[in-house]
N, C-alpha and C. Protein backbone atom coordinates (compact mmCIF):
# COMPACT_ATOMS: atom_id res chain seq x y z
N MET A 1 80.51 101.27 133.46
CA MET A 1 81.41 100.45 132.64
C MET A 1 82.45 99.79 133.53
N PRO A 2 82.63 98.47 133.44
CA PRO A 2 83.57 97.79 134.34
C PRO A 2 85.02 98.20 134.06
N ASP A 3 85.82 98.16 135.11
CA ASP A 3 87.24 98.47 134.99
C ASP A 3 87.95 97.28 134.35
N LEU A 4 88.51 97.49 133.16
CA LEU A 4 89.16 96.41 132.42
C LEU A 4 90.66 96.40 132.60
N GLY A 5 91.17 97.23 133.49
CA GLY A 5 92.59 97.19 133.81
C GLY A 5 93.47 98.08 132.98
N ILE A 6 92.88 98.87 132.07
CA ILE A 6 93.71 99.74 131.24
C ILE A 6 94.39 100.80 132.09
N SER A 7 93.65 101.29 133.11
CA SER A 7 94.25 102.29 133.99
C SER A 7 95.43 101.73 134.77
N VAL A 8 95.40 100.42 135.06
CA VAL A 8 96.50 99.79 135.78
C VAL A 8 97.77 99.85 134.95
N LEU A 9 97.64 99.68 133.65
CA LEU A 9 98.83 99.71 132.78
C LEU A 9 99.50 101.07 132.77
N LEU A 10 98.72 102.11 133.06
CA LEU A 10 99.26 103.46 133.03
C LEU A 10 99.90 103.87 134.35
N LYS A 11 99.83 103.01 135.35
CA LYS A 11 100.44 103.32 136.63
C LYS A 11 101.94 103.06 136.59
N GLY A 12 102.71 104.05 136.99
CA GLY A 12 104.15 103.86 137.11
C GLY A 12 104.77 103.34 135.83
N GLN A 13 105.55 102.26 135.95
CA GLN A 13 106.27 101.68 134.82
C GLN A 13 105.65 100.35 134.37
N ASN A 14 104.37 100.13 134.67
CA ASN A 14 103.76 98.84 134.37
C ASN A 14 103.85 98.47 132.90
N PHE A 15 103.48 99.40 132.02
CA PHE A 15 103.49 99.08 130.60
C PHE A 15 104.91 98.88 130.09
N MET A 16 105.84 99.67 130.57
CA MET A 16 107.23 99.51 130.16
C MET A 16 107.80 98.18 130.66
N ARG A 17 107.34 97.75 131.83
CA ARG A 17 107.76 96.45 132.34
C ARG A 17 107.25 95.33 131.43
N MET A 18 106.02 95.48 130.94
CA MET A 18 105.48 94.47 130.02
C MET A 18 106.26 94.44 128.72
N LEU A 19 106.64 95.61 128.22
CA LEU A 19 107.45 95.65 127.00
C LEU A 19 108.82 95.01 127.23
N ALA A 20 109.39 95.26 128.40
CA ALA A 20 110.67 94.64 128.73
C ALA A 20 110.53 93.12 128.81
N GLY A 21 109.41 92.66 129.39
CA GLY A 21 109.15 91.22 129.44
C GLY A 21 108.99 90.62 128.06
N LEU A 22 108.32 91.35 127.17
CA LEU A 22 108.20 90.89 125.79
C LEU A 22 109.57 90.81 125.14
N GLY A 23 110.44 91.78 125.46
CA GLY A 23 111.79 91.76 124.92
C GLY A 23 112.56 90.52 125.35
N VAL A 24 112.37 90.10 126.58
CA VAL A 24 113.03 88.87 127.06
C VAL A 24 112.53 87.66 126.28
N ALA A 25 111.21 87.58 126.09
CA ALA A 25 110.65 86.46 125.34
C ALA A 25 111.15 86.44 123.90
N LEU A 26 111.21 87.61 123.27
CA LEU A 26 111.67 87.68 121.89
C LEU A 26 113.15 87.36 121.79
N LYS A 27 113.94 87.80 122.78
CA LYS A 27 115.37 87.50 122.75
C LYS A 27 115.61 86.00 122.82
N ILE A 28 114.91 85.33 123.73
CA ILE A 28 115.08 83.88 123.87
C ILE A 28 114.64 83.16 122.60
N SER A 29 113.49 83.56 122.06
CA SER A 29 112.98 82.88 120.87
C SER A 29 113.86 83.14 119.65
N MET A 30 114.36 84.36 119.48
CA MET A 30 115.18 84.68 118.32
C MET A 30 116.54 83.99 118.37
N ILE A 31 117.15 83.95 119.55
CA ILE A 31 118.42 83.22 119.68
C ILE A 31 118.20 81.74 119.35
N SER A 32 117.11 81.19 119.86
CA SER A 32 116.80 79.78 119.58
C SER A 32 116.56 79.55 118.10
N VAL A 33 115.87 80.48 117.45
CA VAL A 33 115.59 80.35 116.02
C VAL A 33 116.88 80.41 115.21
N VAL A 34 117.75 81.37 115.54
CA VAL A 34 119.00 81.54 114.79
C VAL A 34 119.87 80.29 114.89
N ILE A 35 119.82 79.60 116.03
CA ILE A 35 120.62 78.39 116.19
C ILE A 35 119.92 77.17 115.61
N SER A 36 118.62 77.05 115.87
CA SER A 36 117.92 75.81 115.54
C SER A 36 117.63 75.65 114.05
N ILE A 37 117.40 76.74 113.34
CA ILE A 37 117.06 76.59 111.92
C ILE A 37 118.24 76.08 111.11
N PRO A 38 119.45 76.67 111.20
CA PRO A 38 120.58 76.06 110.46
C PRO A 38 120.88 74.63 110.91
N LEU A 39 120.79 74.39 112.23
CA LEU A 39 121.02 73.04 112.73
C LEU A 39 119.96 72.08 112.20
N GLY A 40 118.71 72.54 112.17
CA GLY A 40 117.64 71.70 111.65
C GLY A 40 117.80 71.38 110.18
N ILE A 41 118.32 72.34 109.41
CA ILE A 41 118.57 72.09 107.99
C ILE A 41 119.60 70.98 107.81
N VAL A 42 120.68 71.06 108.59
CA VAL A 42 121.72 70.02 108.51
C VAL A 42 121.15 68.66 108.91
N LEU A 43 120.41 68.62 110.02
CA LEU A 43 119.84 67.35 110.47
C LEU A 43 118.81 66.81 109.47
N GLY A 44 118.05 67.72 108.85
CA GLY A 44 117.08 67.28 107.85
C GLY A 44 117.74 66.63 106.65
N VAL A 45 118.89 67.20 106.23
CA VAL A 45 119.64 66.59 105.14
C VAL A 45 120.13 65.21 105.55
N LEU A 46 120.64 65.09 106.77
CA LEU A 46 121.13 63.80 107.24
C LEU A 46 120.02 62.75 107.32
N MET A 47 118.79 63.20 107.60
CA MET A 47 117.66 62.27 107.66
C MET A 47 117.36 61.62 106.32
N THR A 48 117.75 62.27 105.24
CA THR A 48 117.46 61.71 103.91
C THR A 48 118.55 60.77 103.44
N TRP A 49 119.66 60.71 104.15
CA TRP A 49 120.74 59.81 103.75
C TRP A 49 120.37 58.37 104.11
N LYS A 50 121.05 57.43 103.50
CA LYS A 50 120.69 56.02 103.63
C LYS A 50 121.42 55.30 104.75
N ASN A 51 122.21 56.04 105.53
CA ASN A 51 122.92 55.42 106.65
C ASN A 51 121.90 55.03 107.72
N PRO A 52 121.72 53.74 108.01
CA PRO A 52 120.66 53.33 108.95
C PRO A 52 120.91 53.79 110.39
N ILE A 53 122.16 53.88 110.80
CA ILE A 53 122.47 54.30 112.17
C ILE A 53 122.11 55.78 112.36
N THR A 54 122.53 56.60 111.40
CA THR A 54 122.20 58.03 111.47
C THR A 54 120.70 58.26 111.45
N LYS A 55 120.00 57.57 110.56
CA LYS A 55 118.56 57.73 110.47
C LYS A 55 117.87 57.28 111.76
N ALA A 56 118.36 56.19 112.37
CA ALA A 56 117.74 55.70 113.61
C ALA A 56 117.94 56.68 114.76
N ILE A 57 119.15 57.23 114.89
CA ILE A 57 119.44 58.18 115.96
C ILE A 57 118.58 59.44 115.81
N LEU A 58 118.51 59.96 114.58
CA LEU A 58 117.73 61.17 114.35
C LEU A 58 116.23 60.90 114.51
N ARG A 59 115.78 59.72 114.17
CA ARG A 59 114.37 59.38 114.35
C ARG A 59 114.01 59.33 115.83
N ILE A 60 114.90 58.74 116.64
CA ILE A 60 114.66 58.70 118.09
C ILE A 60 114.62 60.12 118.66
N TYR A 61 115.57 60.95 118.23
CA TYR A 61 115.61 62.35 118.67
C TYR A 61 114.31 63.06 118.32
N LEU A 62 113.83 62.88 117.10
CA LEU A 62 112.60 63.53 116.66
C LEU A 62 111.40 63.04 117.45
N GLU A 63 111.32 61.74 117.70
CA GLU A 63 110.18 61.20 118.43
C GLU A 63 110.18 61.68 119.89
N ILE A 64 111.36 61.80 120.49
CA ILE A 64 111.43 62.32 121.86
C ILE A 64 110.85 63.73 121.92
N VAL A 65 111.24 64.56 120.96
CA VAL A 65 110.74 65.94 120.95
C VAL A 65 109.25 65.97 120.68
N ARG A 66 108.76 65.11 119.81
CA ARG A 66 107.33 65.08 119.50
C ARG A 66 106.50 64.64 120.70
N ILE A 67 106.99 63.66 121.45
CA ILE A 67 106.22 63.09 122.55
C ILE A 67 106.31 63.94 123.82
N MET A 68 107.49 64.50 124.07
CA MET A 68 107.74 65.21 125.33
C MET A 68 107.20 66.64 125.26
N PRO A 69 106.31 67.05 126.17
CA PRO A 69 105.85 68.44 126.19
C PRO A 69 107.01 69.39 126.48
N GLN A 70 106.92 70.60 125.94
CA GLN A 70 107.99 71.58 126.12
C GLN A 70 108.18 71.94 127.59
N MET A 71 107.09 71.95 128.35
CA MET A 71 107.21 72.28 129.76
C MET A 71 108.02 71.23 130.51
N VAL A 72 107.83 69.97 130.17
CA VAL A 72 108.60 68.90 130.81
C VAL A 72 110.07 69.02 130.44
N LEU A 73 110.35 69.36 129.18
CA LEU A 73 111.74 69.57 128.78
C LEU A 73 112.37 70.72 129.56
N LEU A 74 111.60 71.79 129.77
CA LEU A 74 112.11 72.92 130.56
C LEU A 74 112.44 72.48 131.98
N PHE A 75 111.55 71.71 132.58
CA PHE A 75 111.79 71.24 133.95
C PHE A 75 113.01 70.31 134.00
N LEU A 76 113.12 69.43 133.00
CA LEU A 76 114.26 68.50 132.98
C LEU A 76 115.59 69.25 132.89
N VAL A 77 115.64 70.24 132.00
CA VAL A 77 116.90 70.96 131.80
C VAL A 77 117.19 71.89 132.97
N PHE A 78 116.19 72.65 133.41
CA PHE A 78 116.45 73.66 134.44
C PHE A 78 116.58 73.06 135.84
N PHE A 79 115.65 72.19 136.21
CA PHE A 79 115.69 71.62 137.55
C PHE A 79 116.49 70.31 137.59
N GLY A 80 116.27 69.45 136.60
CA GLY A 80 116.90 68.13 136.62
C GLY A 80 118.40 68.17 136.44
N THR A 81 118.86 68.81 135.36
CA THR A 81 120.30 68.80 135.09
C THR A 81 121.10 69.61 136.10
N THR A 82 120.52 70.70 136.61
CA THR A 82 121.26 71.49 137.59
C THR A 82 121.51 70.71 138.87
N ARG A 83 120.53 69.90 139.28
CA ARG A 83 120.73 69.07 140.47
C ARG A 83 121.60 67.86 140.19
N ALA A 84 121.44 67.29 139.00
CA ALA A 84 122.21 66.08 138.68
C ALA A 84 123.69 66.39 138.46
N PHE A 85 123.98 67.51 137.82
CA PHE A 85 125.36 67.83 137.47
C PHE A 85 125.94 68.98 138.28
N GLY A 86 125.10 69.66 139.05
CA GLY A 86 125.58 70.69 139.95
C GLY A 86 126.04 71.98 139.29
N TRP A 87 125.59 72.23 138.06
CA TRP A 87 126.02 73.49 137.43
C TRP A 87 124.99 74.59 137.65
N ASP A 88 125.43 75.82 137.47
CA ASP A 88 124.58 76.99 137.66
C ASP A 88 124.04 77.42 136.30
N LEU A 89 122.78 77.08 136.03
CA LEU A 89 122.17 77.36 134.74
C LEU A 89 121.01 78.33 134.95
N SER A 90 121.07 79.48 134.31
CA SER A 90 120.00 80.46 134.45
C SER A 90 118.76 80.00 133.70
N GLY A 91 117.62 80.57 134.06
CA GLY A 91 116.38 80.22 133.38
C GLY A 91 116.39 80.57 131.91
N GLU A 92 117.01 81.70 131.57
CA GLU A 92 117.07 82.10 130.17
C GLU A 92 117.92 81.13 129.35
N ASN A 93 119.07 80.74 129.89
CA ASN A 93 119.93 79.79 129.17
C ASN A 93 119.26 78.43 129.03
N ALA A 94 118.58 78.00 130.09
CA ALA A 94 117.86 76.73 130.02
C ALA A 94 116.76 76.80 128.95
N SER A 95 116.09 77.94 128.86
CA SER A 95 115.04 78.11 127.86
C SER A 95 115.62 78.06 126.45
N ILE A 96 116.76 78.70 126.24
CA ILE A 96 117.39 78.69 124.93
C ILE A 96 117.79 77.27 124.53
N ILE A 97 118.32 76.51 125.49
CA ILE A 97 118.70 75.12 125.22
C ILE A 97 117.48 74.30 124.80
N VAL A 98 116.39 74.43 125.55
CA VAL A 98 115.19 73.65 125.26
C VAL A 98 114.57 74.05 123.93
N PHE A 99 114.45 75.35 123.68
CA PHE A 99 113.82 75.79 122.44
C PHE A 99 114.69 75.46 121.23
N THR A 100 116.00 75.49 121.39
CA THR A 100 116.89 75.08 120.30
C THR A 100 116.75 73.59 120.04
N PHE A 101 116.71 72.80 121.11
CA PHE A 101 116.54 71.34 121.01
C PHE A 101 115.23 71.01 120.30
N TRP A 102 114.17 71.70 120.68
CA TRP A 102 112.85 71.48 120.10
C TRP A 102 112.79 72.01 118.67
N GLY A 103 113.25 73.25 118.46
CA GLY A 103 113.17 73.86 117.13
C GLY A 103 113.98 73.12 116.09
N ALA A 104 115.17 72.65 116.46
CA ALA A 104 116.01 71.92 115.52
C ALA A 104 115.34 70.62 115.07
N ALA A 105 114.69 69.93 116.00
CA ALA A 105 113.99 68.70 115.65
C ALA A 105 112.83 68.97 114.71
N GLU A 106 112.02 69.99 115.05
CA GLU A 106 110.88 70.32 114.19
C GLU A 106 111.35 70.76 112.81
N MET A 107 112.40 71.58 112.77
CA MET A 107 112.90 72.07 111.49
C MET A 107 113.48 70.93 110.66
N SER A 108 114.16 70.00 111.31
CA SER A 108 114.75 68.87 110.57
C SER A 108 113.67 68.05 109.89
N ASP A 109 112.54 67.86 110.56
CA ASP A 109 111.46 67.09 109.95
C ASP A 109 110.84 67.84 108.78
N LEU A 110 110.73 69.16 108.90
CA LEU A 110 110.23 69.97 107.79
C LEU A 110 111.17 69.89 106.60
N VAL A 111 112.47 69.98 106.87
CA VAL A 111 113.46 69.91 105.80
C VAL A 111 113.43 68.54 105.14
N ARG A 112 113.33 67.50 105.95
CA ARG A 112 113.26 66.13 105.40
C ARG A 112 112.07 66.01 104.45
N GLY A 113 110.91 66.50 104.88
CA GLY A 113 109.73 66.42 104.03
C GLY A 113 109.89 67.22 102.74
N ALA A 114 110.53 68.40 102.85
CA ALA A 114 110.74 69.22 101.66
C ALA A 114 111.74 68.57 100.71
N LEU A 115 112.77 67.94 101.26
CA LEU A 115 113.80 67.32 100.41
C LEU A 115 113.25 66.13 99.64
N ILE A 116 112.46 65.31 100.29
CA ILE A 116 111.95 64.12 99.60
C ILE A 116 110.88 64.50 98.58
N SER A 117 110.38 65.74 98.65
CA SER A 117 109.41 66.19 97.65
C SER A 117 110.08 66.73 96.39
N ILE A 118 111.42 66.91 96.44
CA ILE A 118 112.15 67.36 95.25
C ILE A 118 112.16 66.23 94.22
N PRO A 119 111.80 66.51 92.97
CA PRO A 119 111.77 65.45 91.95
C PRO A 119 113.13 64.76 91.81
N LYS A 120 113.09 63.48 91.54
CA LYS A 120 114.32 62.68 91.46
C LYS A 120 115.23 63.13 90.32
N HIS A 121 114.63 63.67 89.26
CA HIS A 121 115.46 64.06 88.12
C HIS A 121 116.39 65.23 88.44
N GLN A 122 116.09 65.99 89.52
CA GLN A 122 116.99 67.06 89.93
C GLN A 122 118.32 66.48 90.40
N TYR A 123 118.26 65.39 91.15
CA TYR A 123 119.48 64.72 91.59
C TYR A 123 120.21 64.10 90.39
N GLU A 124 119.45 63.47 89.50
CA GLU A 124 120.07 62.82 88.36
C GLU A 124 120.75 63.83 87.44
N SER A 125 120.12 64.99 87.26
CA SER A 125 120.70 66.03 86.40
C SER A 125 122.00 66.56 86.99
N SER A 126 122.04 66.72 88.30
CA SER A 126 123.26 67.22 88.94
C SER A 126 124.39 66.21 88.82
N GLU A 127 124.05 64.93 88.92
CA GLU A 127 125.07 63.89 88.74
C GLU A 127 125.60 63.89 87.31
N ALA A 128 124.69 64.12 86.35
CA ALA A 128 125.11 64.16 84.94
C ALA A 128 126.04 65.34 84.67
N LEU A 129 125.89 66.42 85.46
CA LEU A 129 126.75 67.58 85.32
C LEU A 129 128.08 67.41 86.04
N GLY A 130 128.23 66.31 86.76
CA GLY A 130 129.49 66.04 87.46
C GLY A 130 129.60 66.68 88.83
N LEU A 131 128.47 67.10 89.38
CA LEU A 131 128.50 67.71 90.71
C LEU A 131 128.62 66.63 91.78
N SER A 132 129.35 66.95 92.84
CA SER A 132 129.44 66.03 93.97
C SER A 132 128.14 66.08 94.76
N LYS A 133 128.04 65.18 95.74
CA LYS A 133 126.81 65.14 96.56
C LYS A 133 126.64 66.43 97.34
N VAL A 134 127.75 66.95 97.89
CA VAL A 134 127.69 68.21 98.64
C VAL A 134 127.31 69.35 97.72
N GLN A 135 127.89 69.41 96.54
CA GLN A 135 127.56 70.47 95.59
C GLN A 135 126.11 70.38 95.13
N THR A 136 125.63 69.17 94.98
CA THR A 136 124.23 68.98 94.58
C THR A 136 123.28 69.58 95.60
N TYR A 137 123.55 69.28 96.86
CA TYR A 137 122.70 69.83 97.91
C TYR A 137 122.86 71.34 98.01
N TRP A 138 124.09 71.83 97.92
CA TRP A 138 124.35 73.25 98.19
C TRP A 138 123.81 74.15 97.08
N TYR A 139 123.99 73.75 95.82
CA TYR A 139 123.64 74.61 94.70
C TYR A 139 122.27 74.34 94.09
N ILE A 140 121.74 73.15 94.27
CA ILE A 140 120.51 72.79 93.58
C ILE A 140 119.36 72.46 94.54
N ILE A 141 119.62 71.53 95.46
CA ILE A 141 118.52 71.02 96.29
C ILE A 141 118.13 72.00 97.39
N ILE A 142 119.12 72.50 98.14
CA ILE A 142 118.81 73.38 99.26
C ILE A 142 118.11 74.67 98.83
N PRO A 143 118.55 75.36 97.75
CA PRO A 143 117.80 76.56 97.33
C PRO A 143 116.33 76.29 97.03
N GLN A 144 116.03 75.17 96.35
CA GLN A 144 114.64 74.83 96.09
C GLN A 144 113.89 74.48 97.37
N THR A 145 114.60 73.80 98.28
CA THR A 145 113.99 73.41 99.54
C THR A 145 113.64 74.63 100.38
N LEU A 146 114.52 75.63 100.38
CA LEU A 146 114.28 76.83 101.18
C LEU A 146 113.00 77.53 100.74
N ARG A 147 112.76 77.57 99.44
CA ARG A 147 111.53 78.20 98.96
C ARG A 147 110.29 77.46 99.46
N ARG A 148 110.37 76.15 99.48
CA ARG A 148 109.22 75.36 99.95
C ARG A 148 109.05 75.45 101.45
N LEU A 149 110.14 75.78 102.14
CA LEU A 149 110.11 75.81 103.60
C LEU A 149 109.60 77.12 104.19
N ILE A 150 109.47 78.16 103.38
CA ILE A 150 109.13 79.48 103.93
C ILE A 150 107.85 79.44 104.76
N PRO A 151 106.71 78.97 104.24
CA PRO A 151 105.49 78.98 105.07
C PRO A 151 105.63 78.12 106.32
N LEU A 152 106.25 76.95 106.17
CA LEU A 152 106.38 76.04 107.30
C LEU A 152 107.33 76.59 108.37
N SER A 153 108.44 77.17 107.93
CA SER A 153 109.40 77.70 108.90
C SER A 153 108.85 78.93 109.61
N ILE A 154 108.09 79.76 108.91
CA ILE A 154 107.47 80.93 109.55
C ILE A 154 106.49 80.48 110.61
N ASN A 155 105.74 79.43 110.32
CA ASN A 155 104.81 78.88 111.31
C ASN A 155 105.57 78.38 112.54
N LEU A 156 106.72 77.74 112.32
CA LEU A 156 107.54 77.25 113.43
C LEU A 156 108.08 78.42 114.25
N ILE A 157 108.54 79.47 113.60
CA ILE A 157 109.09 80.63 114.31
C ILE A 157 108.02 81.27 115.19
N THR A 158 106.83 81.48 114.65
CA THR A 158 105.76 82.09 115.45
C THR A 158 105.35 81.18 116.60
N ARG A 159 105.36 79.86 116.37
CA ARG A 159 105.06 78.93 117.47
C ARG A 159 106.11 79.04 118.57
N MET A 160 107.37 79.19 118.20
CA MET A 160 108.42 79.31 119.20
C MET A 160 108.26 80.60 119.99
N ILE A 161 107.88 81.69 119.31
CA ILE A 161 107.66 82.96 120.02
C ILE A 161 106.53 82.82 121.03
N LYS A 162 105.42 82.22 120.58
CA LYS A 162 104.26 82.10 121.47
C LYS A 162 104.50 81.12 122.61
N THR A 163 105.28 80.07 122.35
CA THR A 163 105.52 79.06 123.38
C THR A 163 106.46 79.56 124.47
N THR A 164 107.12 80.69 124.24
CA THR A 164 107.96 81.26 125.30
C THR A 164 107.15 81.63 126.54
N SER A 165 105.82 81.67 126.41
CA SER A 165 105.00 81.93 127.59
C SER A 165 105.18 80.87 128.67
N LEU A 166 105.69 79.68 128.29
CA LEU A 166 105.91 78.62 129.27
C LEU A 166 107.09 78.88 130.18
N ILE A 167 108.01 79.76 129.78
CA ILE A 167 109.25 79.91 130.55
C ILE A 167 109.02 80.60 131.89
N LEU A 168 107.84 81.16 132.09
CA LEU A 168 107.55 81.71 133.42
C LEU A 168 107.55 80.63 134.49
N MET A 169 107.33 79.36 134.06
CA MET A 169 107.27 78.26 135.01
C MET A 169 108.63 77.94 135.63
N ILE A 170 109.71 78.42 135.00
CA ILE A 170 111.04 78.22 135.59
C ILE A 170 111.63 79.54 136.08
N GLY A 171 110.75 80.53 136.29
CA GLY A 171 111.16 81.77 136.94
C GLY A 171 111.68 82.86 136.04
N VAL A 172 111.58 82.69 134.71
CA VAL A 172 112.03 83.75 133.81
C VAL A 172 110.97 84.85 133.78
N VAL A 173 111.40 86.08 133.98
CA VAL A 173 110.46 87.20 134.04
C VAL A 173 110.22 87.70 132.62
N GLU A 174 109.26 87.09 131.93
CA GLU A 174 108.88 87.54 130.60
C GLU A 174 107.52 88.22 130.69
N VAL A 175 106.90 88.50 129.55
CA VAL A 175 105.73 89.36 129.54
C VAL A 175 104.57 88.77 130.34
N LEU A 176 104.35 87.47 130.28
CA LEU A 176 103.25 86.86 131.02
C LEU A 176 103.50 86.89 132.52
N LYS A 177 104.75 86.67 132.93
CA LYS A 177 105.10 86.75 134.34
C LYS A 177 104.91 88.16 134.87
N VAL A 178 105.32 89.16 134.09
CA VAL A 178 105.12 90.56 134.49
C VAL A 178 103.64 90.86 134.61
N SER A 179 102.85 90.36 133.68
CA SER A 179 101.40 90.59 133.73
C SER A 179 100.79 90.01 135.00
N GLN A 180 101.20 88.82 135.38
CA GLN A 180 100.71 88.22 136.62
C GLN A 180 101.11 89.04 137.83
N GLN A 181 102.33 89.56 137.83
CA GLN A 181 102.78 90.39 138.94
C GLN A 181 101.94 91.66 139.04
N ILE A 182 101.63 92.28 137.90
CA ILE A 182 100.83 93.50 137.90
C ILE A 182 99.41 93.21 138.39
N ILE A 183 98.85 92.09 137.94
CA ILE A 183 97.49 91.73 138.38
C ILE A 183 97.45 91.49 139.88
N GLU A 184 98.43 90.77 140.41
CA GLU A 184 98.47 90.49 141.84
C GLU A 184 98.66 91.76 142.66
N ALA A 185 99.50 92.66 142.17
CA ALA A 185 99.76 93.90 142.91
C ALA A 185 98.56 94.82 142.94
N ASN A 186 97.65 94.68 141.99
CA ASN A 186 96.49 95.57 141.91
C ASN A 186 95.17 94.82 142.10
N ARG A 187 95.24 93.66 142.74
CA ARG A 187 94.04 92.84 142.90
C ARG A 187 92.95 93.55 143.70
N MET A 188 93.32 94.29 144.71
CA MET A 188 92.34 94.96 145.56
C MET A 188 91.77 96.21 144.90
N SER A 189 92.61 97.02 144.29
CA SER A 189 92.14 98.27 143.70
C SER A 189 91.48 98.06 142.34
N SER A 190 91.87 97.03 141.62
CA SER A 190 91.31 96.78 140.29
C SER A 190 91.13 95.27 140.10
N PRO A 191 90.08 94.69 140.70
CA PRO A 191 89.92 93.23 140.68
C PRO A 191 89.66 92.65 139.29
N ASN A 192 89.21 93.48 138.33
CA ASN A 192 88.91 92.98 136.99
C ASN A 192 90.01 93.30 135.99
N ALA A 193 91.20 93.63 136.49
CA ALA A 193 92.28 94.07 135.60
C ALA A 193 92.81 92.96 134.72
N ALA A 194 92.56 91.72 135.09
CA ALA A 194 93.15 90.60 134.33
C ALA A 194 92.72 90.63 132.87
N PHE A 195 91.45 90.95 132.61
CA PHE A 195 90.96 90.93 131.23
C PHE A 195 91.73 91.91 130.36
N GLY A 196 91.84 93.15 130.82
CA GLY A 196 92.52 94.17 130.03
C GLY A 196 94.00 93.88 129.86
N ILE A 197 94.64 93.39 130.91
CA ILE A 197 96.08 93.14 130.85
C ILE A 197 96.38 91.97 129.92
N TYR A 198 95.60 90.90 130.03
CA TYR A 198 95.84 89.76 129.13
C TYR A 198 95.46 90.10 127.69
N LEU A 199 94.52 91.03 127.50
CA LEU A 199 94.21 91.50 126.16
C LEU A 199 95.42 92.23 125.57
N VAL A 200 96.10 93.01 126.39
CA VAL A 200 97.31 93.70 125.94
C VAL A 200 98.41 92.69 125.63
N VAL A 201 98.51 91.63 126.43
CA VAL A 201 99.49 90.57 126.15
C VAL A 201 99.21 89.95 124.78
N PHE A 202 97.93 89.70 124.51
CA PHE A 202 97.54 89.16 123.20
C PHE A 202 97.98 90.09 122.07
N LEU A 203 97.76 91.39 122.24
CA LEU A 203 98.14 92.35 121.21
C LEU A 203 99.64 92.42 121.03
N LEU A 204 100.38 92.33 122.14
CA LEU A 204 101.84 92.38 122.05
C LEU A 204 102.37 91.18 121.27
N TYR A 205 101.84 89.99 121.54
CA TYR A 205 102.27 88.82 120.80
C TYR A 205 101.85 88.91 119.33
N PHE A 206 100.67 89.48 119.10
CA PHE A 206 100.20 89.63 117.72
C PHE A 206 101.14 90.54 116.93
N PHE A 207 101.49 91.69 117.49
CA PHE A 207 102.34 92.63 116.77
C PHE A 207 103.79 92.14 116.70
N ALA A 208 104.16 91.20 117.56
CA ALA A 208 105.49 90.60 117.46
C ALA A 208 105.56 89.59 116.33
N CYS A 209 104.46 88.85 116.09
CA CYS A 209 104.44 87.79 115.07
C CYS A 209 103.99 88.29 113.71
N TRP A 210 103.18 89.34 113.68
CA TRP A 210 102.61 89.82 112.42
C TRP A 210 103.67 90.23 111.39
N PRO A 211 104.72 90.99 111.76
CA PRO A 211 105.75 91.34 110.76
C PRO A 211 106.43 90.11 110.16
N ILE A 212 106.58 89.05 110.95
CA ILE A 212 107.21 87.83 110.43
C ILE A 212 106.33 87.21 109.35
N SER A 213 105.02 87.21 109.57
CA SER A 213 104.10 86.69 108.56
C SER A 213 104.13 87.54 107.30
N MET A 214 104.22 88.87 107.47
CA MET A 214 104.30 89.76 106.31
C MET A 214 105.59 89.53 105.52
N LEU A 215 106.68 89.27 106.23
CA LEU A 215 107.95 88.98 105.56
C LEU A 215 107.84 87.70 104.74
N ALA A 216 107.18 86.70 105.29
CA ALA A 216 107.00 85.43 104.57
C ALA A 216 106.20 85.64 103.29
N LYS A 217 105.14 86.44 103.35
CA LYS A 217 104.34 86.70 102.16
C LYS A 217 105.16 87.45 101.11
N TYR A 218 105.99 88.39 101.58
CA TYR A 218 106.83 89.14 100.65
C TYR A 218 107.82 88.22 99.94
N LEU A 219 108.45 87.33 100.70
CA LEU A 219 109.43 86.41 100.10
C LEU A 219 108.75 85.45 99.14
N GLU A 220 107.55 85.00 99.48
CA GLU A 220 106.83 84.10 98.59
C GLU A 220 106.52 84.78 97.26
N ARG A 221 106.08 86.05 97.32
CA ARG A 221 105.79 86.78 96.09
C ARG A 221 107.04 87.02 95.26
N ARG A 222 108.14 87.35 95.95
CA ARG A 222 109.39 87.67 95.25
C ARG A 222 109.98 86.43 94.58
N TRP A 223 109.88 85.26 95.24
CA TRP A 223 110.50 84.06 94.71
C TRP A 223 109.57 83.23 93.84
N ARG A 224 108.34 83.69 93.67
CA ARG A 224 107.37 82.90 92.90
C ARG A 224 107.80 82.82 91.43
């Protein structure tokens, strides 16, 4: 039976190092999610307003995020801005900036789509009740929008968690970077270890994202 690298994981602190790397990836993604989702909701509301300047600026922002690969954004923020402005920016902070920038844009477009799907009579009824525009959004539109956003936002959150695998390119020691280090260190003694180690990486990401999907299903059933 070929050596699939499971024994390599049991050497020393290899498996604990992988868990620590997963913790780094989850920390970056969760901080980005906590910042980008509320920001995306605000931007999504602004996208539905009739101010042409605001809509144009937000449209340009959204198109930049859609067109630009996340890896290029990471390079621009981590390598480009540090050289251009001379500041000391860690890889983790650069990753949080990029993922927040990306997540807020994606979330704003989801919110915009959810808002325009709300029937027009909901707005008219709130006006008939004497609610202001802010009150209309806060008490009537946003609660309905949040229910519609659950599946879409959960998909975005899991995408952000999985896309953290790119941050190894700017030197952040996350789970994939640790896996590569383990494979390189054991290349001679266990040349086929890559299969088993990357299989464990797959399982770690699966068990990190699976509870989020279960939470989404629970909320959908509760709010149905």
